[in-house]
C-alpha atoms as a PDB file:
ATOM      1  CA  MET A   1     -44.142   1.542   0.017  1.00  0.00           C
ATOM      2  CA  LYS A   2     -44.934  -0.998   2.741  1.00  0.00           C
ATOM      3  CA  ALA A   3     -44.148  -3.884   0.636  1.00  0.00           C
ATOM      4  CA  THR A   4     -40.860  -2.424  -0.185  1.00  0.00           C
ATOM      5  CA  THR A   5     -40.243  -1.462   3.635  1.00  0.00           C
ATOM      6  CA  SER A   6     -41.143  -5.138   4.572  1.00  0.00           C
ATOM      7  CA  ARG A   7     -38.703  -6.525   1.859  1.00  0.00           C
ATOM      8  CA  LEU A   8     -35.980  -4.534   2.961  1.00  0.00           C
ATOM      9  CA  ALA A   9     -36.619  -5.475   6.633  1.00  0.00           C
ATOM     10  CA  LEU A  10     -36.682  -9.227   5.672  1.00  0.00           C
ATOM     11  CA  LEU A  11     -33.396  -8.637   3.730  1.00  0.00           C
ATOM     12  CA  ALA A  12     -31.692  -7.063   6.463  1.00  0.00           C
ATOM     13  CA  LEU A  13     -32.789  -9.796   8.823  1.00  0.00           C
ATOM     14  CA  ALA A  14     -31.571 -12.431   6.407  1.00  0.00           C
ATOM     15  CA  VAL A  15     -28.181 -10.627   6.026  1.00  0.00           C
ATOM     16  CA  LEU A  16     -27.785 -10.465   9.947  1.00  0.00           C
ATOM     17  CA  MET A  17     -28.880 -14.114  10.206  1.00  0.00           C
ATOM     18  CA  LEU A  18     -26.315 -15.240   7.614  1.00  0.00           C
ATOM     19  CA  GLY A  19     -23.611 -13.243   9.397  1.00  0.00           C
ATOM     20  CA  ALA A  20     -24.302 -14.635  12.596  1.00  0.00           C
ATOM     21  CA  THR A  21     -23.852 -18.113  11.295  1.00  0.00           C
ATOM     22  CA  THR A  22     -20.726 -17.496   9.345  1.00  0.00           C
ATOM     23  CA  SER A  23     -18.821 -15.236  11.493  1.00  0.00           C
ATOM     24  CA  GLY A  24     -15.781 -16.336  13.387  1.00  0.00           C
ATOM     25  CA  THR A  25     -12.126 -16.504  13.005  1.00  0.00           C
ATOM     26  CA  VAL A  26     -10.700 -17.072   9.620  1.00  0.00           C
ATOM     27  CA  SER A  27      -7.284 -18.613   9.145  1.00  0.00           C
ATOM     28  CA  ILE A  28      -5.121 -18.134   5.963  1.00  0.00           C
ATOM     29  CA  THR A  29      -2.083 -20.191   5.405  1.00  0.00           C
ATOM     30  CA  MET A  30       0.299 -18.461   2.681  1.00  0.00           C
ATOM     31  CA  PRO A  31       2.226 -20.654   0.288  1.00  0.00           C
ATOM     32  CA  THR A  32       5.985 -21.032   1.007  1.00  0.00           C
ATOM     33  CA  VAL A  33       8.316 -19.080  -1.105  1.00  0.00           C
ATOM     34  CA  THR A  34       9.312 -21.337  -4.009  1.00  0.00           C
ATOM     35  CA  VAL A  35      11.144 -18.612  -6.366  1.00  0.00           C
ATOM     36  CA  PRO A  36      13.807 -16.678  -4.393  1.00  0.00           C
ATOM     37  CA  LEU A  37      15.112 -13.199  -5.656  1.00  0.00           C
ATOM     38  CA  LYS A  38      18.353 -13.677  -7.781  1.00  0.00           C
ATOM     39  CA  PRO A  39      21.434 -12.456  -5.969  1.00  0.00           C
ATOM     40  CA  GLY A  40      22.596  -9.076  -6.666  1.00  0.00           C
ATOM     41  CA  PRO A  41      23.334  -5.562  -5.518  1.00  0.00           C
ATOM     42  CA  GLY A  42      20.083  -4.235  -4.145  1.00  0.00           C
ATOM     43  CA  MET A  43      18.438  -7.538  -3.651  1.00  0.00           C
ATOM     44  CA  GLU A  44      17.922  -6.788   0.217  1.00  0.00           C
ATOM     45  CA  VAL A  45      16.333  -3.462  -0.777  1.00  0.00           C
ATOM     46  CA  VAL A  46      14.010  -5.208  -3.090  1.00  0.00           C
ATOM     47  CA  ASN A  47      13.264  -8.082  -0.774  1.00  0.00           C
ATOM     48  CA  ALA A  48      12.247  -5.344   2.084  1.00  0.00           C
ATOM     49  CA  ASN A  49      10.450  -3.038  -0.297  1.00  0.00           C
ATOM     50  CA  CYS A  50       8.855  -5.339  -3.007  1.00  0.00           C
ATOM     51  CA  ARG A  51       8.211  -8.853  -1.513  1.00  0.00           C
ATOM     52  CA  THR A  52       5.572  -7.302   0.767  1.00  0.00           C
ATOM     53  CA  CYS A  53       3.266  -7.610  -2.001  1.00  0.00           C
ATOM     54  CA  HIS A  54       5.115  -9.255  -4.950  1.00  0.00           C
ATOM     55  CA  SER A  55       6.460 -12.780  -5.154  1.00  0.00           C
ATOM     56  CA  ALA A  56       9.974 -12.976  -6.843  1.00  0.00           C
ATOM     57  CA  ALA A  57       8.205 -15.093  -9.697  1.00  0.00           C
ATOM     58  CA  TYR A  58       5.931 -12.093 -10.197  1.00  0.00           C
ATOM     59  CA  ILE A  59       8.738  -9.766 -10.432  1.00  0.00           C
ATOM     60  CA  TYR A  60      10.444 -11.996 -13.011  1.00  0.00           C
ATOM     61  CA  THR A  61       7.422 -12.520 -15.200  1.00  0.00           C
ATOM     62  CA  GLN A  62       7.191  -8.837 -15.811  1.00  0.00           C
ATOM     63  CA  PRO A  63       7.975  -7.652 -19.239  1.00  0.00           C
ATOM     64  CA  ARG A  64      11.743  -6.410 -19.529  1.00  0.00           C
ATOM     65  CA  LEU A  65      11.568  -2.519 -19.131  1.00  0.00           C
ATOM     66  CA  ASN A  66      14.067   0.107 -19.636  1.00  0.00           C
ATOM     67  CA  ARG A  67      15.281   2.406 -16.892  1.00  0.00           C
ATOM     68  CA  ALA A  68      12.580   5.227 -17.444  1.00  0.00           C
ATOM     69  CA  GLN A  69       9.875   2.312 -17.382  1.00  0.00           C
ATOM     70  CA  TRP A  70      10.982   0.807 -14.187  1.00  0.00           C
ATOM     71  CA  THR A  71      11.156   4.077 -12.501  1.00  0.00           C
ATOM     72  CA  ALA A  72       7.704   4.830 -13.495  1.00  0.00           C
ATOM     73  CA  GLU A  73       6.647   1.463 -12.140  1.00  0.00           C
ATOM     74  CA  VAL A  74       8.182   2.059  -8.923  1.00  0.00           C
ATOM     75  CA  ALA A  75       6.716   5.479  -8.755  1.00  0.00           C
ATOM     76  CA  LYS A  76       3.316   4.090  -9.506  1.00  0.00           C
ATOM     77  CA  MET A  77       3.487   1.558  -6.687  1.00  0.00           C
ATOM     78  CA  LYS A  78       4.327   4.487  -4.420  1.00  0.00           C
ATOM     79  CA  ALA A  79       1.681   6.945  -5.622  1.00  0.00           C
ATOM     80  CA  ALA A  80      -1.145   4.675  -6.687  1.00  0.00           C
ATOM     81  CA  TYR A  81      -0.570   1.755  -4.318  1.00  0.00           C
ATOM     82  CA  GLY A  82       0.788   3.377  -1.390  1.00  0.00           C
ATOM     83  CA  ALA A  83       3.950   1.213  -1.307  1.00  0.00           C
ATOM     84  CA  PRO A  84       6.202   2.577   1.593  1.00  0.00           C
ATOM     85  CA  ILE A  85       9.330   2.915  -0.410  1.00  0.00           C
ATOM     86  CA  ALA A  86      11.689   5.462   0.638  1.00  0.00           C
ATOM     87  CA  ASP A  87      12.878   7.987  -1.977  1.00  0.00           C
ATOM     88  CA  SER A  88      16.264   6.934  -1.133  1.00  0.00           C
ATOM     89  CA  ASP A  89      15.596   3.376  -2.174  1.00  0.00           C
ATOM     90  CA  VAL A  90      13.914   3.935  -5.485  1.00  0.00           C
ATOM     91  CA  ASN A  91      17.322   4.046  -7.461  1.00  0.00           C
ATOM     92  CA  THR A  92      18.588   0.857  -5.849  1.00  0.00           C
ATOM     93  CA  ILE A  93      15.319  -0.871  -6.592  1.00  0.00           C
ATOM     94  CA  VAL A  94      15.460   0.344 -10.261  1.00  0.00           C
ATOM     95  CA  ASP A  95      19.022  -0.624 -10.596  1.00  0.00           C
ATOM     96  CA  TYR A  96      18.224  -4.136  -9.390  1.00  0.00           C
ATOM     97  CA  LEU A  97      15.242  -4.519 -11.585  1.00  0.00           C
ATOM     98  CA  ILE A  98      17.359  -3.353 -14.585  1.00  0.00           C
ATOM     99  CA  ALA A  99      20.099  -5.825 -13.770  1.00  0.00           C
ATOM    100  CA  GLN A 100      17.511  -8.686 -13.278  1.00  0.00           C
ATOM    101  CA  ASN A 101      14.932  -7.954 -15.774  1.00  0.00           C
ATOM    102  CA  GLY A 102      15.846  -4.809 -17.792  1.00  0.00           C
ATOM    103  CA  LYS A 103      15.796  -4.486 -21.583  1.00  0.00           C
ATOM    104  CA  PRO A 104      18.950  -5.427 -23.334  1.00  0.00           C
END
């Protein structure tokens, strides 16, 4: 028991020392946007709601989905990931996604 306590104390000390030597300000440079959203009705709503987390390239590399599937994806973003999408914007987003990347 004493050996375990000593090991835990040493581990805690090592973690504190490591944190002390590596703490500080971290700077992150985000890459520039290289793929813009394609123009179309609802583009600004998608830009305001979806581009917070997703690049346009990511949006366009998704499989082509039908209306029910895109609606489910937007609902998932809201429910599972907490995307702050207003209920009034859901249809506009889905309409844009269908027009840009919907199943034929």
